[in-house]
């Protein structure tokens, strides 16, 4: 593809030779002739003069470069779009594998691609142009919208609703039973039937081996545009807002609420019945144990303001020093006495 065509498709202003052929996107240190790289973080600006790339995606703060520049106010977003243009994901042809098992009462939309060993239960609905790769399981009365991509071994359980343009990565489970048990007088545990459902709104992506549980009653809901990493646990009755980001190994306990634009870093956890306000950011391994007001950055266990937590941690590391000095002062006071 000519660089000028790529600039047009990305909506970028081009500074440089538009006749250059470009074939892929690469990191700033690894790029060579024919590659497009990007500069989104100023800390890597020192590497730009040494790049061998044919073009760099950058904003107007970059005054000079050893190659052509695709000007973008949001270089990282444009970088993602450039990958889509130059390295589009392969899409299997429409059709239904003869090895798939589809209940005669299920509805399958036009242009779908259904791989081998897929099972689709009674009264389930699959939207137009959706791709179900091998060994996907769609439960009874479940609904999957248009233009979705469900990778191998995904399980969408009975009565679950999945919106449009949803991506479910390998082996994730939507609608597993919530962890609900009542303790009998003799100490044994009686299972509480989990007969609620799960609703996944449009444009959600859920990572490999993540689980979204159904509640005993009501609905577990994931808002539009939310992106969930691998190995994440969403418990029964949780409500997650729009455009939330959950990194790997996050755990959200039952009936908690995450409002729009929340970001939880890896291994962060939220206890049950807690509300996390809009735009909250939690550092890795944070434990959120109480309602958290909107817009703050928290860290630690239990969670508190991230700046205060960092300051306290610095002091904590100096505790041996403080202890030694305290003993010295005590010894001097004893000597004076």
C-alpha atoms as a PDB file:
ATOM      1  CA  UNK A   1       0.000   0.000   0.000  1.00  0.00           C
ATOM      2  CA  UNK A   2       1.245   3.499  -0.788  1.00  0.00           C
ATOM      3  CA  UNK A   3       1.828   5.712   2.228  1.00  0.00           C
ATOM      4  CA  UNK A   4      -0.486   8.382   0.806  1.00  0.00           C
ATOM      5  CA  UNK A   5      -3.341   5.864   0.652  1.00  0.00           C
ATOM      6  CA  UNK A   6      -2.682   4.764   4.216  1.00  0.00           C
ATOM      7  CA  UNK A   7      -2.690   8.395   5.395  1.00  0.00           C
ATOM      8  CA  UNK A   8      -6.030   8.956   3.702  1.00  0.00           C
ATOM      9  CA  UNK A   9      -7.585   5.844   5.220  1.00  0.00           C
ATOM     10  CA  UNK A  10      -6.334   6.796   8.678  1.00  0.00           C
ATOM     11  CA  UNK A  11      -7.375  10.429   8.351  1.00  0.00           C
ATOM     12  CA  UNK A  12      -3.818  11.659   8.932  1.00  0.00           C
ATOM     13  CA  UNK A  13      -1.911  14.620   7.538  1.00  0.00           C
ATOM     14  CA  UNK A  14       1.140  13.346   5.692  1.00  0.00           C
ATOM     15  CA  UNK A  15       4.516  15.056   5.962  1.00  0.00           C
ATOM     16  CA  UNK A  16       6.802  13.326   3.483  1.00  0.00           C
ATOM     17  CA  UNK A  17       6.827  11.149   0.389  1.00  0.00           C
ATOM     18  CA  UNK A  18       3.413   9.560  -0.182  1.00  0.00           C
ATOM     19  CA  UNK A  19       4.694   7.226  -2.911  1.00  0.00           C
ATOM     20  CA  UNK A  20       6.541   5.010  -0.432  1.00  0.00           C
ATOM     21  CA  UNK A  21       5.280   1.418  -0.186  1.00  0.00           C
ATOM     22  CA  UNK A  22       4.386   0.288   3.348  1.00  0.00           C
ATOM     23  CA  UNK A  23       3.513  -3.255   4.357  1.00  0.00           C
ATOM     24  CA  UNK A  24       3.222  -3.533   8.152  1.00  0.00           C
ATOM     25  CA  UNK A  25       3.334  -1.804  11.548  1.00  0.00           C
ATOM     26  CA  UNK A  26       6.367  -2.396  13.797  1.00  0.00           C
ATOM     27  CA  UNK A  27       7.885  -1.105  17.031  1.00  0.00           C
ATOM     28  CA  UNK A  28      10.142   1.906  16.826  1.00  0.00           C
ATOM     29  CA  UNK A  29      13.318  -0.116  17.525  1.00  0.00           C
ATOM     30  CA  UNK A  30      12.453  -3.065  15.268  1.00  0.00           C
ATOM     31  CA  UNK A  31      11.007  -1.239  12.259  1.00  0.00           C
ATOM     32  CA  UNK A  32      12.769  -1.283   8.900  1.00  0.00           C
ATOM     33  CA  UNK A  33      12.111  -0.080   5.369  1.00  0.00           C
ATOM     34  CA  UNK A  34       8.463  -0.611   4.446  1.00  0.00           C
ATOM     35  CA  UNK A  35       7.338  -0.445   8.064  1.00  0.00           C
ATOM     36  CA  UNK A  36       5.193   2.139   9.815  1.00  0.00           C
ATOM     37  CA  UNK A  37       6.027   2.776  13.465  1.00  0.00           C
ATOM     38  CA  UNK A  38       4.456   5.076  16.059  1.00  0.00           C
ATOM     39  CA  UNK A  39       5.441   7.448  18.858  1.00  0.00           C
ATOM     40  CA  UNK A  40       2.721   7.783  21.476  1.00  0.00           C
ATOM     41  CA  UNK A  41       4.815   8.066  24.652  1.00  0.00           C
ATOM     42  CA  UNK A  42       7.328  10.964  24.939  1.00  0.00           C
ATOM     43  CA  UNK A  43       9.728   8.780  26.917  1.00  0.00           C
ATOM     44  CA  UNK A  44      10.577   6.948  23.664  1.00  0.00           C
ATOM     45  CA  UNK A  45      11.252  10.132  21.667  1.00  0.00           C
ATOM     46  CA  UNK A  46      15.015   9.600  21.962  1.00  0.00           C
ATOM     47  CA  UNK A  47      14.680   6.421  19.905  1.00  0.00           C
ATOM     48  CA  UNK A  48      13.036   8.157  16.948  1.00  0.00           C
ATOM     49  CA  UNK A  49      16.230   9.514  15.308  1.00  0.00           C
ATOM     50  CA  UNK A  50      17.584   5.962  15.058  1.00  0.00           C
ATOM     51  CA  UNK A  51      14.521   4.309  13.562  1.00  0.00           C
ATOM     52  CA  UNK A  52      14.763   2.738  10.107  1.00  0.00           C
ATOM     53  CA  UNK A  53      11.000   2.872   9.533  1.00  0.00           C
ATOM     54  CA  UNK A  54       9.569   4.368   6.369  1.00  0.00           C
ATOM     55  CA  UNK A  55       7.028   6.395   8.365  1.00  0.00           C
ATOM     56  CA  UNK A  56       6.089   7.215  11.935  1.00  0.00           C
ATOM     57  CA  UNK A  57       2.664   8.003  13.389  1.00  0.00           C
ATOM     58  CA  UNK A  58       3.088  10.996  15.714  1.00  0.00           C
ATOM     59  CA  UNK A  59       1.391  14.157  16.904  1.00  0.00           C
ATOM     60  CA  UNK A  60       2.428  17.725  16.146  1.00  0.00           C
ATOM     61  CA  UNK A  61       4.866  17.842  19.076  1.00  0.00           C
ATOM     62  CA  UNK A  62       7.311  15.825  16.971  1.00  0.00           C
ATOM     63  CA  UNK A  63       9.176  18.503  15.034  1.00  0.00           C
ATOM     64  CA  UNK A  64      11.542  16.299  13.062  1.00  0.00           C
ATOM     65  CA  UNK A  65      11.954  12.664  12.108  1.00  0.00           C
ATOM     66  CA  UNK A  66      14.267  10.632   9.856  1.00  0.00           C
ATOM     67  CA  UNK A  67      11.243   9.444   7.854  1.00  0.00           C
ATOM     68  CA  UNK A  68       7.781  10.505   6.721  1.00  0.00           C
ATOM     69  CA  UNK A  69       5.317  11.456   9.472  1.00  0.00           C
ATOM     70  CA  UNK A  70       1.634  10.623   9.679  1.00  0.00           C
ATOM     71  CA  UNK A  71       0.256  13.384  11.901  1.00  0.00           C
ATOM     72  CA  UNK A  72      -2.445  12.321  14.342  1.00  0.00           C
ATOM     73  CA  UNK A  73      -3.755  13.950  17.535  1.00  0.00           C
ATOM     74  CA  UNK A  74      -4.099  10.445  18.986  1.00  0.00           C
ATOM     75  CA  UNK A  75      -1.113   8.380  17.755  1.00  0.00           C
ATOM     76  CA  UNK A  76      -1.896   5.266  19.795  1.00  0.00           C
ATOM     77  CA  UNK A  77      -5.453   5.045  18.481  1.00  0.00           C
ATOM     78  CA  UNK A  78      -4.202   5.623  14.943  1.00  0.00           C
ATOM     79  CA  UNK A  79      -1.561   2.907  15.457  1.00  0.00           C
ATOM     80  CA  UNK A  80      -4.378   0.451  16.272  1.00  0.00           C
ATOM     81  CA  UNK A  81      -6.242   1.479  13.121  1.00  0.00           C
ATOM     82  CA  UNK A  82      -3.072   1.102  11.037  1.00  0.00           C
ATOM     83  CA  UNK A  83      -2.737  -2.514  12.148  1.00  0.00           C
ATOM     84  CA  UNK A  84      -6.323  -3.164  11.080  1.00  0.00           C
ATOM     85  CA  UNK A  85      -5.610  -1.678   7.653  1.00  0.00           C
ATOM     86  CA  UNK A  86      -2.232  -3.292   7.000  1.00  0.00           C
ATOM     87  CA  UNK A  87      -2.787  -6.634   8.769  1.00  0.00           C
ATOM     88  CA  UNK A  88      -6.498  -7.407   8.686  1.00  0.00           C
ATOM     89  CA  UNK A  89      -7.635 -10.405  10.723  1.00  0.00           C
ATOM     90  CA  UNK A  90      -8.549 -13.393   8.562  1.00  0.00           C
ATOM     91  CA  UNK A  91     -12.256 -14.143   8.560  1.00  0.00           C
ATOM     92  CA  UNK A  92     -13.505 -17.625   7.720  1.00  0.00           C
ATOM     93  CA  UNK A  93     -15.955 -17.931   4.845  1.00  0.00           C
ATOM     94  CA  UNK A  94     -19.664 -17.982   5.581  1.00  0.00           C
ATOM     95  CA  UNK A  95     -21.172 -21.409   6.004  1.00  0.00           C
ATOM     96  CA  UNK A  96     -22.029 -24.119   8.498  1.00  0.00           C
ATOM     97  CA  UNK A  97     -19.722 -27.046   9.122  1.00  0.00           C
ATOM     98  CA  UNK A  98     -21.381 -30.433   8.630  1.00  0.00           C
ATOM     99  CA  UNK A  99     -19.896 -31.379  12.006  1.00  0.00           C
ATOM    100  CA  UNK A 100     -21.906 -28.691  13.840  1.00  0.00           C
ATOM    101  CA  UNK A 101     -24.996 -29.678  15.853  1.00  0.00           C
ATOM    102  CA  UNK A 102     -27.780 -27.091  15.552  1.00  0.00           C
ATOM    103  CA  UNK A 103     -31.201 -27.596  17.081  1.00  0.00           C
ATOM    104  CA  UNK A 104     -33.938 -27.282  14.450  1.00  0.00           C
ATOM    105  CA  UNK A 105     -35.675 -24.564  16.505  1.00  0.00           C
ATOM    106  CA  UNK A 106     -32.568 -22.339  16.577  1.00  0.00           C
ATOM    107  CA  UNK A 107     -32.420 -19.247  14.353  1.00  0.00           C
ATOM    108  CA  UNK A 108     -29.235 -18.632  12.405  1.00  0.00           C
ATOM    109  CA  UNK A 109     -28.810 -15.306  10.585  1.00  0.00           C
ATOM    110  CA  UNK A 110     -27.393 -14.722   7.107  1.00  0.00           C
ATOM    111  CA  UNK A 111     -23.679 -14.783   6.437  1.00  0.00           C
ATOM    112  CA  UNK A 112     -22.713 -16.643   9.589  1.00  0.00           C
ATOM    113  CA  UNK A 113     -19.674 -18.893   9.868  1.00  0.00           C
ATOM    114  CA  UNK A 114     -20.124 -21.898  12.140  1.00  0.00           C
ATOM    115  CA  UNK A 115     -17.141 -24.175  12.691  1.00  0.00           C
ATOM    116  CA  UNK A 116     -16.874 -27.884  13.465  1.00  0.00           C
ATOM    117  CA  UNK A 117     -18.267 -29.286  16.720  1.00  0.00           C
ATOM    118  CA  UNK A 118     -20.256 -26.151  17.489  1.00  0.00           C
ATOM    119  CA  UNK A 119     -23.508 -26.863  19.366  1.00  0.00           C
ATOM    120  CA  UNK A 120     -26.489 -24.502  19.307  1.00  0.00           C
ATOM    121  CA  UNK A 121     -29.385 -25.242  21.637  1.00  0.00           C
ATOM    122  CA  UNK A 122     -33.135 -25.028  21.225  1.00  0.00           C
ATOM    123  CA  UNK A 123     -34.595 -21.573  20.470  1.00  0.00           C
ATOM    124  CA  UNK A 124     -31.160 -19.949  20.434  1.00  0.00           C
ATOM    125  CA  UNK A 125     -30.566 -17.058  18.026  1.00  0.00           C
ATOM    126  CA  UNK A 126     -27.356 -16.234  16.140  1.00  0.00           C
ATOM    127  CA  UNK A 127     -27.115 -12.843  14.413  1.00  0.00           C
ATOM    128  CA  UNK A 128     -25.980 -12.003  10.908  1.00  0.00           C
ATOM    129  CA  UNK A 129     -22.316 -12.409   9.956  1.00  0.00           C
ATOM    130  CA  UNK A 130     -21.362 -13.769  13.365  1.00  0.00           C
ATOM    131  CA  UNK A 131     -18.441 -16.226  13.532  1.00  0.00           C
ATOM    132  CA  UNK A 132     -18.531 -19.233  15.863  1.00  0.00           C
ATOM    133  CA  UNK A 133     -15.224 -21.074  15.817  1.00  0.00           C
ATOM    134  CA  UNK A 134     -14.804 -24.729  16.684  1.00  0.00           C
ATOM    135  CA  UNK A 135     -16.328 -26.237  19.843  1.00  0.00           C
ATOM    136  CA  UNK A 136     -18.376 -23.161  20.739  1.00  0.00           C
ATOM    137  CA  UNK A 137     -21.449 -24.002  22.817  1.00  0.00           C
ATOM    138  CA  UNK A 138     -24.600 -21.846  22.673  1.00  0.00           C
ATOM    139  CA  UNK A 139     -27.203 -22.774  25.282  1.00  0.00           C
ATOM    140  CA  UNK A 140     -30.936 -23.036  25.097  1.00  0.00           C
ATOM    141  CA  UNK A 141     -32.719 -19.728  24.395  1.00  0.00           C
ATOM    142  CA  UNK A 142     -29.441 -17.791  24.317  1.00  0.00           C
ATOM    143  CA  UNK A 143     -29.063 -14.904  21.856  1.00  0.00           C
ATOM    144  CA  UNK A 144     -25.894 -13.722  20.115  1.00  0.00           C
ATOM    145  CA  UNK A 145     -26.062 -10.522  18.050  1.00  0.00           C
ATOM    146  CA  UNK A 146     -24.711  -9.474  14.666  1.00  0.00           C
ATOM    147  CA  UNK A 147     -21.011  -9.366  13.690  1.00  0.00           C
ATOM    148  CA  UNK A 148     -19.786 -11.161  16.802  1.00  0.00           C
ATOM    149  CA  UNK A 149     -16.677 -13.342  17.033  1.00  0.00           C
ATOM    150  CA  UNK A 150     -16.673 -16.280  19.442  1.00  0.00           C
ATOM    151  CA  UNK A 151     -13.372 -18.124  19.562  1.00  0.00           C
ATOM    152  CA  UNK A 152     -12.838 -21.822  20.228  1.00  0.00           C
ATOM    153  CA  UNK A 153     -14.418 -23.458  23.289  1.00  0.00           C
ATOM    154  CA  UNK A 154     -16.467 -20.417  24.299  1.00  0.00           C
ATOM    155  CA  UNK A 155     -19.578 -21.320  26.302  1.00  0.00           C
ATOM    156  CA  UNK A 156     -22.617 -19.045  26.195  1.00  0.00           C
ATOM    157  CA  UNK A 157     -25.028 -20.633  28.640  1.00  0.00           C
ATOM    158  CA  UNK A 158     -28.817 -20.813  28.517  1.00  0.00           C
ATOM    159  CA  UNK A 159     -30.857 -17.558  28.299  1.00  0.00           C
ATOM    160  CA  UNK A 160     -27.741 -15.368  28.070  1.00  0.00           C
ATOM    161  CA  UNK A 161     -27.973 -12.329  25.773  1.00  0.00           C
ATOM    162  CA  UNK A 162     -24.881 -11.166  23.862  1.00  0.00           C
ATOM    163  CA  UNK A 163     -25.089  -7.884  21.926  1.00  0.00           C
ATOM    164  CA  UNK A 164     -23.634  -6.851  18.561  1.00  0.00           C
ATOM    165  CA  UNK A 165     -19.918  -6.799  17.635  1.00  0.00           C
ATOM    166  CA  UNK A 166     -18.935  -8.677  20.790  1.00  0.00           C
ATOM    167  CA  UNK A 167     -15.648 -10.615  20.880  1.00  0.00           C
ATOM    168  CA  UNK A 168     -15.336 -13.582  23.247  1.00  0.00           C
ATOM    169  CA  UNK A 169     -11.839 -15.024  23.407  1.00  0.00           C
ATOM    170  CA  UNK A 170     -11.014 -18.719  23.768  1.00  0.00           C
ATOM    171  CA  UNK A 171     -12.683 -20.724  26.542  1.00  0.00           C
ATOM    172  CA  UNK A 172     -14.449 -17.854  28.281  1.00  0.00           C
ATOM    173  CA  UNK A 173     -17.764 -18.762  29.931  1.00  0.00           C
ATOM    174  CA  UNK A 174     -20.773 -16.457  29.960  1.00  0.00           C
ATOM    175  CA  UNK A 175     -23.577 -17.434  32.317  1.00  0.00           C
ATOM    176  CA  UNK A 176     -21.936 -19.968  34.622  1.00  0.00           C
ATOM    177  CA  UNK A 177     -23.727 -20.508  37.941  1.00  0.00           C
ATOM    178  CA  UNK A 178     -22.984 -17.879  40.561  1.00  0.00           C
ATOM    179  CA  UNK A 179     -21.336 -19.037  43.789  1.00  0.00           C
ATOM    180  CA  UNK A 180     -24.427 -19.213  45.982  1.00  0.00           C
ATOM    181  CA  UNK A 181     -24.914 -21.638  48.885  1.00  0.00           C
ATOM    182  CA  UNK A 182     -27.050 -21.551  52.033  1.00  0.00           C
ATOM    183  CA  UNK A 183     -25.528 -23.159  55.139  1.00  0.00           C
ATOM    184  CA  UNK A 184     -27.804 -25.681  56.819  1.00  0.00           C
ATOM    185  CA  UNK A 185     -27.970 -26.060  60.626  1.00  0.00           C
ATOM    186  CA  UNK A 186     -25.743 -29.134  60.420  1.00  0.00           C
ATOM    187  CA  UNK A 187     -23.009 -27.162  58.640  1.00  0.00           C
ATOM    188  CA  UNK A 188     -23.545 -28.589  55.158  1.00  0.00           C
ATOM    189  CA  UNK A 189     -24.231 -26.315  52.214  1.00  0.00           C
ATOM    190  CA  UNK A 190     -27.331 -26.214  50.043  1.00  0.00           C
ATOM    191  CA  UNK A 191     -26.952 -24.832  46.554  1.00  0.00           C
ATOM    192  CA  UNK A 192     -29.100 -21.804  45.723  1.00  0.00           C
ATOM    193  CA  UNK A 193     -30.398 -22.304  42.184  1.00  0.00           C
ATOM    194  CA  UNK A 194     -28.886 -19.688  39.900  1.00  0.00           C
ATOM    195  CA  UNK A 195     -31.785 -18.997  37.544  1.00  0.00           C
ATOM    196  CA  UNK A 196     -31.019 -15.386  36.591  1.00  0.00           C
ATOM    197  CA  UNK A 197     -29.211 -14.434  33.398  1.00  0.00           C
ATOM    198  CA  UNK A 198     -26.361 -12.415  31.911  1.00  0.00           C
ATOM    199  CA  UNK A 199     -26.567  -9.536  29.438  1.00  0.00           C
ATOM    200  CA  UNK A 200     -23.485  -8.484  27.467  1.00  0.00           C
ATOM    201  CA  UNK A 201     -24.047  -5.160  25.693  1.00  0.00           C
ATOM    202  CA  UNK A 202     -22.613  -4.101  22.308  1.00  0.00           C
ATOM    203  CA  UNK A 203     -18.895  -3.803  21.495  1.00  0.00           C
ATOM    204  CA  UNK A 204     -17.683  -5.710  24.551  1.00  0.00           C
ATOM    205  CA  UNK A 205     -14.579  -7.920  24.442  1.00  0.00           C
ATOM    206  CA  UNK A 206     -13.953 -10.604  27.061  1.00  0.00           C
ATOM    207  CA  UNK A 207     -10.605 -12.364  27.344  1.00  0.00           C
ATOM    208  CA  UNK A 208      -9.618 -16.019  27.378  1.00  0.00           C
ATOM    209  CA  UNK A 209     -10.830 -18.156  30.291  1.00  0.00           C
ATOM    210  CA  UNK A 210     -12.714 -15.288  31.916  1.00  0.00           C
ATOM    211  CA  UNK A 211     -16.089 -16.002  33.510  1.00  0.00           C
ATOM    212  CA  UNK A 212     -19.244 -13.946  33.936  1.00  0.00           C
ATOM    213  CA  UNK A 213     -21.625 -15.628  36.407  1.00  0.00           C
ATOM    214  CA  UNK A 214     -25.410 -15.580  36.444  1.00  0.00           C
ATOM    215  CA  UNK A 215     -27.236 -14.653  39.677  1.00  0.00           C
ATOM    216  CA  UNK A 216     -29.939 -16.517  41.544  1.00  0.00           C
ATOM    217  CA  UNK A 217     -32.404 -13.829  40.446  1.00  0.00           C
ATOM    218  CA  UNK A 218     -32.051 -10.812  38.200  1.00  0.00           C
ATOM    219  CA  UNK A 219     -29.227 -10.094  35.780  1.00  0.00           C
ATOM    220  CA  UNK A 220     -25.457  -9.729  35.652  1.00  0.00           C
ATOM    221  CA  UNK A 221     -24.739  -6.971  33.114  1.00  0.00           C
ATOM    222  CA  UNK A 222     -21.633  -5.822  31.226  1.00  0.00           C
ATOM    223  CA  UNK A 223     -22.014  -2.346  29.679  1.00  0.00           C
ATOM    224  CA  UNK A 224     -21.280  -1.355  26.093  1.00  0.00           C
ATOM    225  CA  UNK A 225     -17.654  -0.863  25.090  1.00  0.00           C
ATOM    226  CA  UNK A 226     -16.201  -2.577  28.151  1.00  0.00           C
ATOM    227  CA  UNK A 227     -13.004  -4.578  27.613  1.00  0.00           C
ATOM    228  CA  UNK A 228     -12.084  -7.451  29.929  1.00  0.00           C
ATOM    229  CA  UNK A 229      -8.715  -9.214  29.958  1.00  0.00           C
ATOM    230  CA  UNK A 230      -7.920 -12.900  30.488  1.00  0.00           C
ATOM    231  CA  UNK A 231      -8.664 -14.833  33.700  1.00  0.00           C
ATOM    232  CA  UNK A 232     -11.143 -12.324  35.100  1.00  0.00           C
ATOM    233  CA  UNK A 233     -13.986 -13.356  37.428  1.00  0.00           C
ATOM    234  CA  UNK A 234     -17.259 -11.407  37.337  1.00  0.00           C
ATOM    235  CA  UNK A 235     -19.548 -12.765  40.049  1.00  0.00           C
ATOM    236  CA  UNK A 236     -23.331 -13.046  40.178  1.00  0.00           C
ATOM    237  CA  UNK A 237     -25.418  -9.892  40.019  1.00  0.00           C
ATOM    238  CA  UNK A 238     -22.526  -7.556  39.224  1.00  0.00           C
ATOM    239  CA  UNK A 239     -23.301  -4.499  37.112  1.00  0.00           C
ATOM    240  CA  UNK A 240     -20.457  -3.051  35.055  1.00  0.00           C
ATOM    241  CA  UNK A 241     -20.880   0.244  33.216  1.00  0.00           C
ATOM    242  CA  UNK A 242     -19.753   1.444  29.802  1.00  0.00           C
ATOM    243  CA  UNK A 243     -16.130   1.567  28.618  1.00  0.00           C
ATOM    244  CA  UNK A 244     -14.717  -0.116  31.713  1.00  0.00           C
ATOM    245  CA  UNK A 245     -11.254  -1.724  31.505  1.00  0.00           C
ATOM    246  CA  UNK A 246     -10.436  -4.788  33.631  1.00  0.00           C
ATOM    247  CA  UNK A 247      -6.907  -6.206  33.429  1.00  0.00           C
ATOM    248  CA  UNK A 248      -5.907  -9.832  33.962  1.00  0.00           C
ATOM    249  CA  UNK A 249      -6.920 -11.703  37.141  1.00  0.00           C
ATOM    250  CA  UNK A 250      -9.292  -9.014  38.369  1.00  0.00           C
ATOM    251  CA  UNK A 251     -12.070 -10.347  40.608  1.00  0.00           C
ATOM    252  CA  UNK A 252     -15.425  -8.642  41.165  1.00  0.00           C
ATOM    253  CA  UNK A 253     -17.541 -10.105  43.970  1.00  0.00           C
ATOM    254  CA  UNK A 254     -21.319 -10.486  43.878  1.00  0.00           C
ATOM    255  CA  UNK A 255     -23.750  -7.562  43.521  1.00  0.00           C
ATOM    256  CA  UNK A 256     -21.013  -4.946  43.160  1.00  0.00           C
ATOM    257  CA  UNK A 257     -21.403  -2.009  40.782  1.00  0.00           C
ATOM    258  CA  UNK A 258     -18.667  -0.510  38.615  1.00  0.00           C
ATOM    259  CA  UNK A 259     -19.788   2.730  37.021  1.00  0.00           C
ATOM    260  CA  UNK A 260     -18.672   3.957  33.580  1.00  0.00           C
ATOM    261  CA  UNK A 261     -14.975   4.372  32.692  1.00  0.00           C
ATOM    262  CA  UNK A 262     -13.563   2.499  35.694  1.00  0.00           C
ATOM    263  CA  UNK A 263     -10.071   1.008  35.207  1.00  0.00           C
ATOM    264  CA  UNK A 264      -8.846  -1.865  37.398  1.00  0.00           C
ATOM    265  CA  UNK A 265      -5.233  -2.987  36.924  1.00  0.00           C
ATOM    266  CA  UNK A 266      -4.074  -6.596  37.222  1.00  0.00           C
ATOM    267  CA  UNK A 267      -5.186  -8.662  40.234  1.00  0.00           C
ATOM    268  CA  UNK A 268      -7.284  -5.838  41.681  1.00  0.00           C
ATOM    269  CA  UNK A 269     -10.334  -7.023  43.589  1.00  0.00           C
ATOM    270  CA  UNK A 270     -13.707  -5.610  44.622  1.00  0.00           C
ATOM    271  CA  UNK A 271     -15.673  -7.112  47.520  1.00  0.00           C
ATOM    272  CA  UNK A 272     -19.411  -7.760  47.346  1.00  0.00           C
ATOM    273  CA  UNK A 273     -22.078  -5.022  47.439  1.00  0.00           C
ATOM    274  CA  UNK A 274     -19.576  -2.219  46.788  1.00  0.00           C
ATOM    275  CA  UNK A 275     -20.094   0.686  44.358  1.00  0.00           C
ATOM    276  CA  UNK A 276     -17.056   1.971  42.479  1.00  0.00           C
ATOM    277  CA  UNK A 277     -17.650   5.466  41.120  1.00  0.00           C
ATOM    278  CA  UNK A 278     -17.255   6.650  37.574  1.00  0.00           C
ATOM    279  CA  UNK A 279     -13.688   6.983  36.327  1.00  0.00           C
ATOM    280  CA  UNK A 280     -12.035   5.362  39.338  1.00  0.00           C
ATOM    281  CA  UNK A 281      -8.588   3.905  38.633  1.00  0.00           C
ATOM    282  CA  UNK A 282      -7.143   1.151  40.822  1.00  0.00           C
ATOM    283  CA  UNK A 283      -3.484   0.126  40.753  1.00  0.00           C
ATOM    284  CA  UNK A 284      -2.428  -3.508  40.495  1.00  0.00           C
ATOM    285  CA  UNK A 285      -3.399  -5.739  43.446  1.00  0.00           C
ATOM    286  CA  UNK A 286      -5.636  -3.076  44.976  1.00  0.00           C
ATOM    287  CA  UNK A 287      -8.374  -4.370  47.265  1.00  0.00           C
ATOM    288  CA  UNK A 288     -11.510  -2.202  47.123  1.00  0.00           C
ATOM    289  CA  UNK A 289     -13.476  -2.925  50.288  1.00  0.00           C
ATOM    290  CA  UNK A 290     -15.873   0.013  50.476  1.00  0.00           C
ATOM    291  CA  UNK A 291     -17.775   2.406  48.248  1.00  0.00           C
ATOM    292  CA  UNK A 292     -15.321   4.522  46.260  1.00  0.00           C
ATOM    293  CA  UNK A 293     -16.169   8.040  45.047  1.00  0.00           C
ATOM    294  CA  UNK A 294     -15.882   8.945  41.380  1.00  0.00           C
ATOM    295  CA  UNK A 295     -12.700  10.053  39.704  1.00  0.00           C
ATOM    296  CA  UNK A 296     -10.029   9.049  42.226  1.00  0.00           C
ATOM    297  CA  UNK A 297      -6.973   6.824  41.888  1.00  0.00           C
ATOM    298  CA  UNK A 298      -6.667   4.187  44.607  1.00  0.00           C
ATOM    299  CA  UNK A 299      -4.050   1.630  45.612  1.00  0.00           C
ATOM    300  CA  UNK A 300      -3.252  -0.788  48.425  1.00  0.00           C
ATOM    301  CA  UNK A 301      -5.226  -3.194  50.584  1.00  0.00           C
ATOM    302  CA  UNK A 302      -7.614  -1.912  51.741  1.00  0.00           C
ATOM    303  CA  UNK A 303      -7.684   0.735  49.040  1.00  0.00           C
ATOM    304  CA  UNK A 304      -6.920   4.398  49.705  1.00  0.00           C
ATOM    305  CA  UNK A 305      -5.711   7.399  47.749  1.00  0.00           C
ATOM    306  CA  UNK A 306      -2.812   6.232  45.576  1.00  0.00           C
ATOM    307  CA  UNK A 307      -0.549   9.212  46.391  1.00  0.00           C
ATOM    308  CA  UNK A 308      -1.032   8.758  50.115  1.00  0.00           C
ATOM    309  CA  UNK A 309      -0.470   5.010  49.765  1.00  0.00           C
ATOM    310  CA  UNK A 310       2.827   5.538  47.935  1.00  0.00           C
ATOM    311  CA  UNK A 311       4.008   8.026  50.555  1.00  0.00           C
ATOM    312  CA  UNK A 312       3.067   5.625  53.349  1.00  0.00           C
ATOM    313  CA  UNK A 313       4.854   2.757  51.620  1.00  0.00           C
ATOM    314  CA  UNK A 314       8.049   4.803  51.410  1.00  0.00           C
ATOM    315  CA  UNK A 315       7.829   5.384  55.156  1.00  0.00           C
ATOM    316  CA  UNK A 316       7.106   1.725  55.767  1.00  0.00           C
ATOM    317  CA  UNK A 317      10.318   0.706  54.011  1.00  0.00           C
ATOM    318  CA  UNK A 318      12.244   3.046  56.333  1.00  0.00           C
ATOM    319  CA  UNK A 319      10.788   1.520  59.493  1.00  0.00           C
ATOM    320  CA  UNK A 320      13.984  -0.433  60.370  1.00  0.00           C
ATOM    321  CA  UNK A 321      15.937   2.828  60.154  1.00  0.00           C
ATOM    322  CA  UNK A 322      13.384   4.636  62.330  1.00  0.00           C
ATOM    323  CA  UNK A 323      13.457   1.786  64.846  1.00  0.00           C
ATOM    324  CA  UNK A 324      17.261   1.936  65.081  1.00  0.00           C
ATOM    325  CA  UNK A 325      17.202   5.698  65.596  1.00  0.00           C
ATOM    326  CA  UNK A 326      14.487   5.390  68.239  1.00  0.00           C
ATOM    327  CA  UNK A 327      16.571   2.871  70.180  1.00  0.00           C
ATOM    328  CA  UNK A 328      19.582   5.187  69.979  1.00  0.00           C
ATOM    329  CA  UNK A 329      17.508   8.065  71.361  1.00  0.00           C
ATOM    330  CA  UNK A 330      16.147   5.858  74.137  1.00  0.00           C
ATOM    331  CA  UNK A 331      19.691   4.819  75.060  1.00  0.00           C
ATOM    332  CA  UNK A 332      20.823   8.470  75.203  1.00  0.00           C
ATOM    333  CA  UNK A 333      17.857   9.404  77.372  1.00  0.00           C
ATOM    334  CA  UNK A 334      18.617   6.509  79.722  1.00  0.00           C
ATOM    335  CA  UNK A 335      22.218   7.721  79.945  1.00  0.00           C
ATOM    336  CA  UNK A 336      21.091  11.254  80.822  1.00  0.00           C
ATOM    337  CA  UNK A 337      18.790   9.919  83.537  1.00  0.00           C
END
